[in-house]
Amino acid sequence: MSDPLLRELDHYVVLEPGQGEQILTAAETLAWLEAHLAGLASPPADLAPLANGGERAARLLDTACELELEPGLVIGWFAVRLEPPAASP
């Protein structure tokens, strides 16, 4: 199970071979993952039962930090906090 603090984060660093690091919002990261999942011949076995690419991307974002697109070609992502959390009263 993922750390609940990750759900509060709204930015991710995404890594693709041959490209520099990118910082994306959570929504952009989901779209990025969904696009990569759509390019696969078939989804990973643990994601196959889910109804659509959006659900698969959301599950992947919550439960993993990399995806092998083909043998030896892996993309990755990790959550980052760009702003410190607001102080509690």
PDB file of N, CA and C in Angstrom:
ATOM      1  N   MET A   1       0.856  -1.183   0.000  1.00  0.00           N
ATOM      2  CA  MET A   1       0.000   0.000   0.000  1.00  0.00           C
ATOM      3  C   MET A   1       0.894   1.234   0.000  1.00  0.00           C
ATOM      4  N   SER A   2       0.497   2.235  -0.750  1.00  0.00           N
ATOM      5  CA  SER A   2       1.318   3.433  -0.844  1.00  0.00           C
ATOM      6  C   SER A   2       1.152   4.322   0.395  1.00  0.00           C
ATOM      7  N   ASP A   3       2.136   5.154   0.607  1.00  0.00           N
ATOM      8  CA  ASP A   3       2.154   6.078   1.731  1.00  0.00           C
ATOM      9  C   ASP A   3       1.084   7.152   1.517  1.00  0.00           C
ATOM     10  N   PRO A   4       0.186   7.397   2.474  1.00  0.00           N
ATOM     11  CA  PRO A   4      -0.852   8.414   2.300  1.00  0.00           C
ATOM     12  C   PRO A   4      -0.288   9.809   2.050  1.00  0.00           C
ATOM     13  N   LEU A   5       0.937  10.076   2.510  1.00  0.00           N
ATOM     14  CA  LEU A   5       1.525  11.396   2.248  1.00  0.00           C
ATOM     15  C   LEU A   5       1.755  11.623   0.758  1.00  0.00           C
ATOM     16  N   LEU A   6       1.979  10.553   0.008  1.00  0.00           N
ATOM     17  CA  LEU A   6       2.169  10.702  -1.433  1.00  0.00           C
ATOM     18  C   LEU A   6       0.926  11.254  -2.103  1.00  0.00           C
ATOM     19  N   ARG A   7      -0.224  10.945  -1.572  1.00  0.00           N
ATOM     20  CA  ARG A   7      -1.467  11.442  -2.165  1.00  0.00           C
ATOM     21  C   ARG A   7      -1.569  12.965  -2.042  1.00  0.00           C
ATOM     22  N   GLU A   8      -0.853  13.544  -1.096  1.00  0.00           N
ATOM     23  CA  GLU A   8      -0.877  14.986  -0.915  1.00  0.00           C
ATOM     24  C   GLU A   8       0.069  15.696  -1.881  1.00  0.00           C
ATOM     25  N   LEU A   9       0.947  14.949  -2.517  1.00  0.00           N
ATOM     26  CA  LEU A   9       1.915  15.544  -3.434  1.00  0.00           C
ATOM     27  C   LEU A   9       1.280  15.735  -4.793  1.00  0.00           C
ATOM     28  N   ASP A  10       1.621  16.829  -5.424  1.00  0.00           N
ATOM     29  CA  ASP A  10       0.985  17.085  -6.712  1.00  0.00           C
ATOM     30  C   ASP A  10       1.978  17.277  -7.856  1.00  0.00           C
ATOM     31  N   HIS A  11       3.214  16.879  -7.657  1.00  0.00           N
ATOM     32  CA  HIS A  11       4.219  16.949  -8.720  1.00  0.00           C
ATOM     33  C   HIS A  11       5.064  15.681  -8.718  1.00  0.00           C
ATOM     34  N   TYR A  12       5.517  15.316  -9.901  1.00  0.00           N
ATOM     35  CA  TYR A  12       6.341  14.129 -10.076  1.00  0.00           C
ATOM     36  C   TYR A  12       7.495  14.453 -11.007  1.00  0.00           C
ATOM     37  N   VAL A  13       8.627  13.842 -10.751  1.00  0.00           N
ATOM     38  CA  VAL A  13       9.733  13.862 -11.694  1.00  0.00           C
ATOM     39  C   VAL A  13       9.580  12.602 -12.522  1.00  0.00           C
ATOM     40  N   VAL A  14       9.562  12.762 -13.843  1.00  0.00           N
ATOM     41  CA  VAL A  14       9.448  11.605 -14.728  1.00  0.00           C
ATOM     42  C   VAL A  14      10.759  11.448 -15.490  1.00  0.00           C
ATOM     43  N   LEU A  15      11.123  10.198 -15.696  1.00  0.00           N
ATOM     44  CA  LEU A  15      12.399   9.861 -16.314  1.00  0.00           C
ATOM     45  C   LEU A  15      12.158   8.947 -17.510  1.00  0.00           C
ATOM     46  N   GLU A  16      12.713   9.342 -18.647  1.00  0.00           N
ATOM     47  CA  GLU A  16      12.650   8.526 -19.853  1.00  0.00           C
ATOM     48  C   GLU A  16      14.052   8.410 -20.413  1.00  0.00           C
ATOM     49  N   PRO A  17      14.423   7.222 -20.877  1.00  0.00           N
ATOM     50  CA  PRO A  17      15.761   7.054 -21.452  1.00  0.00           C
ATOM     51  C   PRO A  17      15.994   8.044 -22.594  1.00  0.00           C
ATOM     52  N   GLY A  18      17.170   8.657 -22.576  1.00  0.00           N
ATOM     53  CA  GLY A  18      17.537   9.584 -23.635  1.00  0.00           C
ATOM     54  C   GLY A  18      16.959  10.976 -23.500  1.00  0.00           C
ATOM     55  N   GLN A  19      16.212  11.226 -22.434  1.00  0.00           N
ATOM     56  CA  GLN A  19      15.631  12.549 -22.202  1.00  0.00           C
ATOM     57  C   GLN A  19      16.008  13.016 -20.797  1.00  0.00           C
ATOM     58  N   GLY A  20      15.992  14.323 -20.599  1.00  0.00           N
ATOM     59  CA  GLY A  20      16.258  14.859 -19.277  1.00  0.00           C
ATOM     60  C   GLY A  20      15.061  14.664 -18.361  1.00  0.00           C
ATOM     61  N   GLU A  21      15.289  14.930 -17.093  1.00  0.00           N
ATOM     62  CA  GLU A  21      14.197  14.864 -16.120  1.00  0.00           C
ATOM     63  C   GLU A  21      13.151  15.908 -16.466  1.00  0.00           C
ATOM     64  N   GLN A  22      11.900  15.562 -16.232  1.00  0.00           N
ATOM     65  CA  GLN A  22      10.799  16.504 -16.391  1.00  0.00           C
ATOM     66  C   GLN A  22      10.032  16.554 -15.080  1.00  0.00           C
ATOM     67  N   ILE A  23       9.557  17.723 -14.700  1.00  0.00           N
ATOM     68  CA  ILE A  23       8.672  17.843 -13.547  1.00  0.00           C
ATOM     69  C   ILE A  23       7.275  18.089 -14.087  1.00  0.00           C
ATOM     70  N   LEU A  24       6.360  17.191 -13.726  1.00  0.00           N
ATOM     71  CA  LEU A  24       4.982  17.269 -14.196  1.00  0.00           C
ATOM     72  C   LEU A  24       4.031  17.345 -13.011  1.00  0.00           C
ATOM     73  N   THR A  25       2.867  17.924 -13.239  1.00  0.00           N
ATOM     74  CA  THR A  25       1.823  17.892 -12.223  1.00  0.00           C
ATOM     75  C   THR A  25       1.285  16.467 -12.133  1.00  0.00           C
ATOM     76  N   ALA A  26       0.502  16.193 -11.107  1.00  0.00           N
ATOM     77  CA  ALA A  26      -0.082  14.862 -10.967  1.00  0.00           C
ATOM     78  C   ALA A  26      -0.950  14.527 -12.177  1.00  0.00           C
ATOM     79  N   ALA A  27      -1.747  15.472 -12.647  1.00  0.00           N
ATOM     80  CA  ALA A  27      -2.609  15.238 -13.814  1.00  0.00           C
ATOM     81  C   ALA A  27      -1.770  14.972 -15.062  1.00  0.00           C
ATOM     82  N   GLU A  28      -0.702  15.732 -15.241  1.00  0.00           N
ATOM     83  CA  GLU A  28       0.180  15.515 -16.389  1.00  0.00           C
ATOM     84  C   GLU A  28       0.882  14.159 -16.303  1.00  0.00           C
ATOM     85  N   THR A  29       1.243  13.759 -15.094  1.00  0.00           N
ATOM     86  CA  THR A  29       1.901  12.466 -14.903  1.00  0.00           C
ATOM     87  C   THR A  29       0.941  11.332 -15.229  1.00  0.00           C
ATOM     88  N   LEU A  30      -0.307  11.461 -14.818  1.00  0.00           N
ATOM     89  CA  LEU A  30      -1.296  10.440 -15.163  1.00  0.00           C
ATOM     90  C   LEU A  30      -1.473  10.336 -16.674  1.00  0.00           C
ATOM     91  N   ALA A  31      -1.544  11.472 -17.353  1.00  0.00           N
ATOM     92  CA  ALA A  31      -1.678  11.462 -18.815  1.00  0.00           C
ATOM     93  C   ALA A  31      -0.439  10.849 -19.472  1.00  0.00           C
ATOM     94  N   TRP A  32       0.740  11.168 -18.939  1.00  0.00           N
ATOM     95  CA  TRP A  32       2.005  10.618 -19.443  1.00  0.00           C
ATOM     96  C   TRP A  32       2.009   9.105 -19.306  1.00  0.00           C
ATOM     97  N   LEU A  33       1.614   8.603 -18.127  1.00  0.00           N
ATOM     98  CA  LEU A  33       1.554   7.161 -17.904  1.00  0.00           C
ATOM     99  C   LEU A  33       0.505   6.507 -18.801  1.00  0.00           C
ATOM    100  N   GLU A  34      -0.648   7.139 -18.914  1.00  0.00           N
ATOM    101  CA  GLU A  34      -1.708   6.585 -19.753  1.00  0.00           C
ATOM    102  C   GLU A  34      -1.247   6.462 -21.204  1.00  0.00           C
ATOM    103  N   ALA A  35      -0.532   7.462 -21.701  1.00  0.00           N
ATOM    104  CA  ALA A  35      -0.021   7.414 -23.074  1.00  0.00           C
ATOM    105  C   ALA A  35       0.975   6.277 -23.248  1.00  0.00           C
ATOM    106  N   HIS A  36       1.857   6.093 -22.270  1.00  0.00           N
ATOM    107  CA  HIS A  36       2.827   4.995 -22.358  1.00  0.00           C
ATOM    108  C   HIS A  36       2.132   3.639 -22.264  1.00  0.00           C
ATOM    109  N   LEU A  37       1.133   3.526 -21.405  1.00  0.00           N
ATOM    110  CA  LEU A  37       0.390   2.270 -21.297  1.00  0.00           C
ATOM    111  C   LEU A  37      -0.345   1.959 -22.599  1.00  0.00           C
ATOM    112  N   ALA A  38      -0.867   2.980 -23.257  1.00  0.00           N
ATOM    113  CA  ALA A  38      -1.587   2.777 -24.517  1.00  0.00           C
ATOM    114  C   ALA A  38      -0.660   2.256 -25.614  1.00  0.00           C
ATOM    115  N   GLY A  39       0.623   2.564 -25.506  1.00  0.00           N
ATOM    116  CA  GLY A  39       1.581   2.112 -26.497  1.00  0.00           C
ATOM    117  C   GLY A  39       2.034   0.670 -26.326  1.00  0.00           C
ATOM    118  N   LEU A  40       1.647   0.039 -25.232  1.00  0.00           N
ATOM    119  CA  LEU A  40       2.027  -1.355 -24.992  1.00  0.00           C
ATOM    120  C   LEU A  40       1.099  -2.299 -25.757  1.00  0.00           C
ATOM    121  N   ALA A  41       1.636  -3.413 -26.207  1.00  0.00           N
ATOM    122  CA  ALA A  41       0.815  -4.417 -26.890  1.00  0.00           C
ATOM    123  C   ALA A  41      -0.277  -4.934 -25.960  1.00  0.00           C
ATOM    124  N   SER A  42       0.054  -5.120 -24.692  1.00  0.00           N
ATOM    125  CA  SER A  42      -0.929  -5.502 -23.678  1.00  0.00           C
ATOM    126  C   SER A  42      -0.472  -4.917 -22.352  1.00  0.00           C
ATOM    127  N   PRO A  43      -1.417  -4.574 -21.490  1.00  0.00           N
ATOM    128  CA  PRO A  43      -1.041  -3.986 -20.197  1.00  0.00           C
ATOM    129  C   PRO A  43      -0.388  -5.019 -19.293  1.00  0.00           C
ATOM    130  N   PRO A  44       0.382  -4.566 -18.311  1.00  0.00           N
ATOM    131  CA  PRO A  44       0.925  -5.506 -17.328  1.00  0.00           C
ATOM    132  C   PRO A  44      -0.215  -6.313 -16.699  1.00  0.00           C
ATOM    133  N   ALA A  45       0.083  -7.548 -16.344  1.00  0.00           N
ATOM    134  CA  ALA A  45      -0.939  -8.470 -15.838  1.00  0.00           C
ATOM    135  C   ALA A  45      -1.732  -7.906 -14.668  1.00  0.00           C
ATOM    136  N   ASP A  46      -1.076  -7.188 -13.756  1.00  0.00           N
ATOM    137  CA  ASP A  46      -1.790  -6.666 -12.587  1.00  0.00           C
ATOM    138  C   ASP A  46      -2.717  -5.506 -12.936  1.00  0.00           C
ATOM    139  N   LEU A  47      -2.522  -4.889 -14.104  1.00  0.00           N
ATOM    140  CA  LEU A  47      -3.371  -3.773 -14.520  1.00  0.00           C
ATOM    141  C   LEU A  47      -4.453  -4.199 -15.506  1.00  0.00           C
ATOM    142  N   ALA A  48      -4.306  -5.372 -16.113  1.00  0.00           N
ATOM    143  CA  ALA A  48      -5.224  -5.831 -17.152  1.00  0.00           C
ATOM    144  C   ALA A  48      -6.693  -5.876 -16.707  1.00  0.00           C
ATOM    145  N   PRO A  49      -6.993  -6.260 -15.465  1.00  0.00           N
ATOM    146  CA  PRO A  49      -8.412  -6.325 -15.063  1.00  0.00           C
ATOM    147  C   PRO A  49      -9.096  -4.955 -14.975  1.00  0.00           C
ATOM    148  N   LEU A  50      -8.334  -3.881 -14.931  1.00  0.00           N
ATOM    149  CA  LEU A  50      -8.940  -2.551 -14.791  1.00  0.00           C
ATOM    150  C   LEU A  50      -9.592  -2.133 -16.111  1.00  0.00           C
ATOM    151  N   ALA A  51     -10.651  -1.346 -15.996  1.00  0.00           N
ATOM    152  CA  ALA A  51     -11.518  -1.048 -17.134  1.00  0.00           C
ATOM    153  C   ALA A  51     -10.883  -0.216 -18.245  1.00  0.00           C
ATOM    154  N   ASN A  52     -10.020   0.744 -17.890  1.00  0.00           N
ATOM    155  CA  ASN A  52      -9.514   1.641 -18.935  1.00  0.00           C
ATOM    156  C   ASN A  52      -8.124   2.164 -18.591  1.00  0.00           C
ATOM    157  N   GLY A  53      -7.560   2.894 -19.537  1.00  0.00           N
ATOM    158  CA  GLY A  53      -6.211   3.418 -19.365  1.00  0.00           C
ATOM    159  C   GLY A  53      -6.072   4.380 -18.206  1.00  0.00           C
ATOM    160  N   GLY A  54      -7.093   5.165 -17.939  1.00  0.00           N
ATOM    161  CA  GLY A  54      -7.045   6.099 -16.823  1.00  0.00           C
ATOM    162  C   GLY A  54      -6.940   5.390 -15.489  1.00  0.00           C
ATOM    163  N   GLU A  55      -7.737   4.334 -15.319  1.00  0.00           N
ATOM    164  CA  GLU A  55      -7.680   3.553 -14.077  1.00  0.00           C
ATOM    165  C   GLU A  55      -6.336   2.844 -13.949  1.00  0.00           C
ATOM    166  N   ARG A  56      -5.837   2.333 -15.069  1.00  0.00           N
ATOM    167  CA  ARG A  56      -4.542   1.653 -15.047  1.00  0.00           C
ATOM    168  C   ARG A  56      -3.427   2.616 -14.669  1.00  0.00           C
ATOM    169  N   ALA A  57      -3.446   3.823 -15.248  1.00  0.00           N
ATOM    170  CA  ALA A  57      -2.422   4.819 -14.938  1.00  0.00           C
ATOM    171  C   ALA A  57      -2.486   5.218 -13.470  1.00  0.00           C
ATOM    172  N   ALA A  58      -3.694   5.410 -12.945  1.00  0.00           N
ATOM    173  CA  ALA A  58      -3.857   5.795 -11.538  1.00  0.00           C
ATOM    174  C   ALA A  58      -3.331   4.700 -10.612  1.00  0.00           C
ATOM    175  N   ARG A  59      -3.637   3.437 -10.914  1.00  0.00           N
ATOM    176  CA  ARG A  59      -3.151   2.328 -10.084  1.00  0.00           C
ATOM    177  C   ARG A  59      -1.633   2.258 -10.143  1.00  0.00           C
ATOM    178  N   LEU A  60      -1.082   2.427 -11.352  1.00  0.00           N
ATOM    179  CA  LEU A  60       0.367   2.374 -11.510  1.00  0.00           C
ATOM    180  C   LEU A  60       1.035   3.497 -10.716  1.00  0.00           C
ATOM    181  N   LEU A  61       0.472   4.694 -10.777  1.00  0.00           N
ATOM    182  CA  LEU A  61       1.023   5.829 -10.045  1.00  0.00           C
ATOM    183  C   LEU A  61       1.009   5.573  -8.538  1.00  0.00           C
ATOM    184  N   ASP A  62      -0.030   4.899  -8.049  1.00  0.00           N
ATOM    185  CA  ASP A  62      -0.159   4.612  -6.615  1.00  0.00           C
ATOM    186  C   ASP A  62       0.712   3.455  -6.133  1.00  0.00           C
ATOM    187  N   THR A  63       1.081   2.548  -7.038  1.00  0.00           N
ATOM    188  CA  THR A  63       1.699   1.307  -6.580  1.00  0.00           C
ATOM    189  C   THR A  63       3.093   1.025  -7.123  1.00  0.00           C
ATOM    190  N   ALA A  64       3.594   1.835  -8.023  1.00  0.00           N
ATOM    191  CA  ALA A  64       4.892   1.535  -8.634  1.00  0.00           C
ATOM    192  C   ALA A  64       5.673   2.825  -8.875  1.00  0.00           C
ATOM    193  N   CYS A  65       6.896   2.665  -9.362  1.00  0.00           N
ATOM    194  CA  CYS A  65       7.703   3.837  -9.689  1.00  0.00           C
ATOM    195  C   CYS A  65       8.441   3.651 -11.009  1.00  0.00           C
ATOM    196  N   GLU A  66       8.142   2.547 -11.709  1.00  0.00           N
ATOM    197  CA  GLU A  66       8.732   2.352 -13.026  1.00  0.00           C
ATOM    198  C   GLU A  66       7.868   1.398 -13.831  1.00  0.00           C
ATOM    199  N   LEU A  67       8.059   1.463 -15.157  1.00  0.00           N
ATOM    200  CA  LEU A  67       7.321   0.613 -16.075  1.00  0.00           C
ATOM    201  C   LEU A  67       8.257   0.222 -17.196  1.00  0.00           C
ATOM    202  N   GLU A  68       8.370  -1.077 -17.427  1.00  0.00           N
ATOM    203  CA  GLU A  68       9.194  -1.560 -18.526  1.00  0.00           C
ATOM    204  C   GLU A  68       8.340  -1.568 -19.792  1.00  0.00           C
ATOM    205  N   LEU A  69       8.735  -0.735 -20.760  1.00  0.00           N
ATOM    206  CA  LEU A  69       7.990  -0.631 -22.005  1.00  0.00           C
ATOM    207  C   LEU A  69       8.341  -1.760 -22.960  1.00  0.00           C
ATOM    208  N   GLU A  70       9.592  -2.164 -22.915  1.00  0.00           N
ATOM    209  CA  GLU A  70      10.098  -3.296 -23.679  1.00  0.00           C
ATOM    210  C   GLU A  70      11.372  -3.738 -22.973  1.00  0.00           C
ATOM    211  N   PRO A  71      11.871  -4.922 -23.269  1.00  0.00           N
ATOM    212  CA  PRO A  71      13.080  -5.370 -22.564  1.00  0.00           C
ATOM    213  C   PRO A  71      14.212  -4.332 -22.653  1.00  0.00           C
ATOM    214  N   GLY A  72      14.663  -3.895 -21.491  1.00  0.00           N
ATOM    215  CA  GLY A  72      15.746  -2.920 -21.418  1.00  0.00           C
ATOM    216  C   GLY A  72      15.332  -1.462 -21.537  1.00  0.00           C
ATOM    217  N   LEU A  73      14.058  -1.185 -21.776  1.00  0.00           N
ATOM    218  CA  LEU A  73      13.570   0.194 -21.895  1.00  0.00           C
ATOM    219  C   LEU A  73      12.565   0.463 -20.776  1.00  0.00           C
ATOM    220  N   VAL A  74      13.024   1.197 -19.772  1.00  0.00           N
ATOM    221  CA  VAL A  74      12.217   1.437 -18.570  1.00  0.00           C
ATOM    222  C   VAL A  74      12.027   2.936 -18.380  1.00  0.00           C
ATOM    223  N   ILE A  75      10.791   3.329 -18.069  1.00  0.00           N
ATOM    224  CA  ILE A  75      10.520   4.705 -17.660  1.00  0.00           C
ATOM    225  C   ILE A  75      10.289   4.691 -16.158  1.00  0.00           C
ATOM    226  N   GLY A  76      10.501   5.836 -15.511  1.00  0.00           N
ATOM    227  CA  GLY A  76      10.328   5.912 -14.068  1.00  0.00           C
ATOM    228  C   GLY A  76       9.759   7.246 -13.645  1.00  0.00           C
ATOM    229  N   TRP A  77       9.295   7.315 -12.409  1.00  0.00           N
ATOM    230  CA  TRP A  77       8.729   8.543 -11.857  1.00  0.00           C
ATOM    231  C   TRP A  77       8.814   8.484 -10.341  1.00  0.00           C
ATOM    232  N   PHE A  78       8.861   9.652  -9.739  1.00  0.00           N
ATOM    233  CA  PHE A  78       8.786   9.713  -8.283  1.00  0.00           C
ATOM    234  C   PHE A  78       8.185  11.043  -7.867  1.00  0.00           C
ATOM    235  N   ALA A  79       7.467  11.005  -6.755  1.00  0.00           N
ATOM    236  CA  ALA A  79       6.772  12.178  -6.248  1.00  0.00           C
ATOM    237  C   ALA A  79       7.762  13.153  -5.634  1.00  0.00           C
ATOM    238  N   VAL A  80       7.507  14.434  -5.818  1.00  0.00           N
ATOM    239  CA  VAL A  80       8.310  15.488  -5.203  1.00  0.00           C
ATOM    240  C   VAL A  80       7.372  16.553  -4.648  1.00  0.00           C
ATOM    241  N   ARG A  81       7.847  17.212  -3.621  1.00  0.00           N
ATOM    242  CA  ARG A  81       7.090  18.330  -3.056  1.00  0.00           C
ATOM    243  C   ARG A  81       7.830  19.603  -3.424  1.00  0.00           C
ATOM    244  N   LEU A  82       7.156  20.482  -4.159  1.00  0.00           N
ATOM    245  CA  LEU A  82       7.782  21.725  -4.603  1.00  0.00           C
ATOM    246  C   LEU A  82       7.623  22.848  -3.581  1.00  0.00           C
ATOM    247  N   GLU A  83       6.580  22.768  -2.790  1.00  0.00           N
ATOM    248  CA  GLU A  83       6.339  23.790  -1.778  1.00  0.00           C
ATOM    249  C   GLU A  83       6.207  23.105  -0.430  1.00  0.00           C
ATOM    250  N   PRO A  84       6.721  23.704   0.619  1.00  0.00           N
ATOM    251  CA  PRO A  84       6.540  23.093   1.936  1.00  0.00           C
ATOM    252  C   PRO A  84       5.051  23.094   2.301  1.00  0.00           C
ATOM    253  N   PRO A  85       4.621  22.110   3.067  1.00  0.00           N
ATOM    254  CA  PRO A  85       3.209  22.067   3.470  1.00  0.00           C
ATOM    255  C   PRO A  85       2.878  23.267   4.349  1.00  0.00           C
ATOM    256  N   ALA A  86       1.630  23.681   4.296  1.00  0.00           N
ATOM    257  CA  ALA A  86       1.187  24.799   5.130  1.00  0.00           C
ATOM    258  C   ALA A  86       1.243  24.374   6.603  1.00  0.00           C
ATOM    259  N   ALA A  87       1.626  25.318   7.434  1.00  0.00           N
ATOM    260  CA  ALA A  87       1.698  25.048   8.884  1.00  0.00           C
ATOM    261  C   ALA A  87       0.302  24.860   9.443  1.00  0.00           C
ATOM    262  N   SER A  88       0.171  23.914  10.338  1.00  0.00           N
ATOM    263  CA  SER A  88      -1.116  23.683  10.989  1.00  0.00           C
ATOM    264  C   SER A  88      -1.305  24.704  12.101  1.00  0.00           C
ATOM    265  N   PRO A  89      -2.527  25.188  12.257  1.00  0.00           N
ATOM    266  CA  PRO A  89      -2.778  26.176  13.342  1.00  0.00           C
ATOM    267  C   PRO A  89      -2.738  25.546  14.699  1.00  0.00           C
TER     268      PRO A  89
END
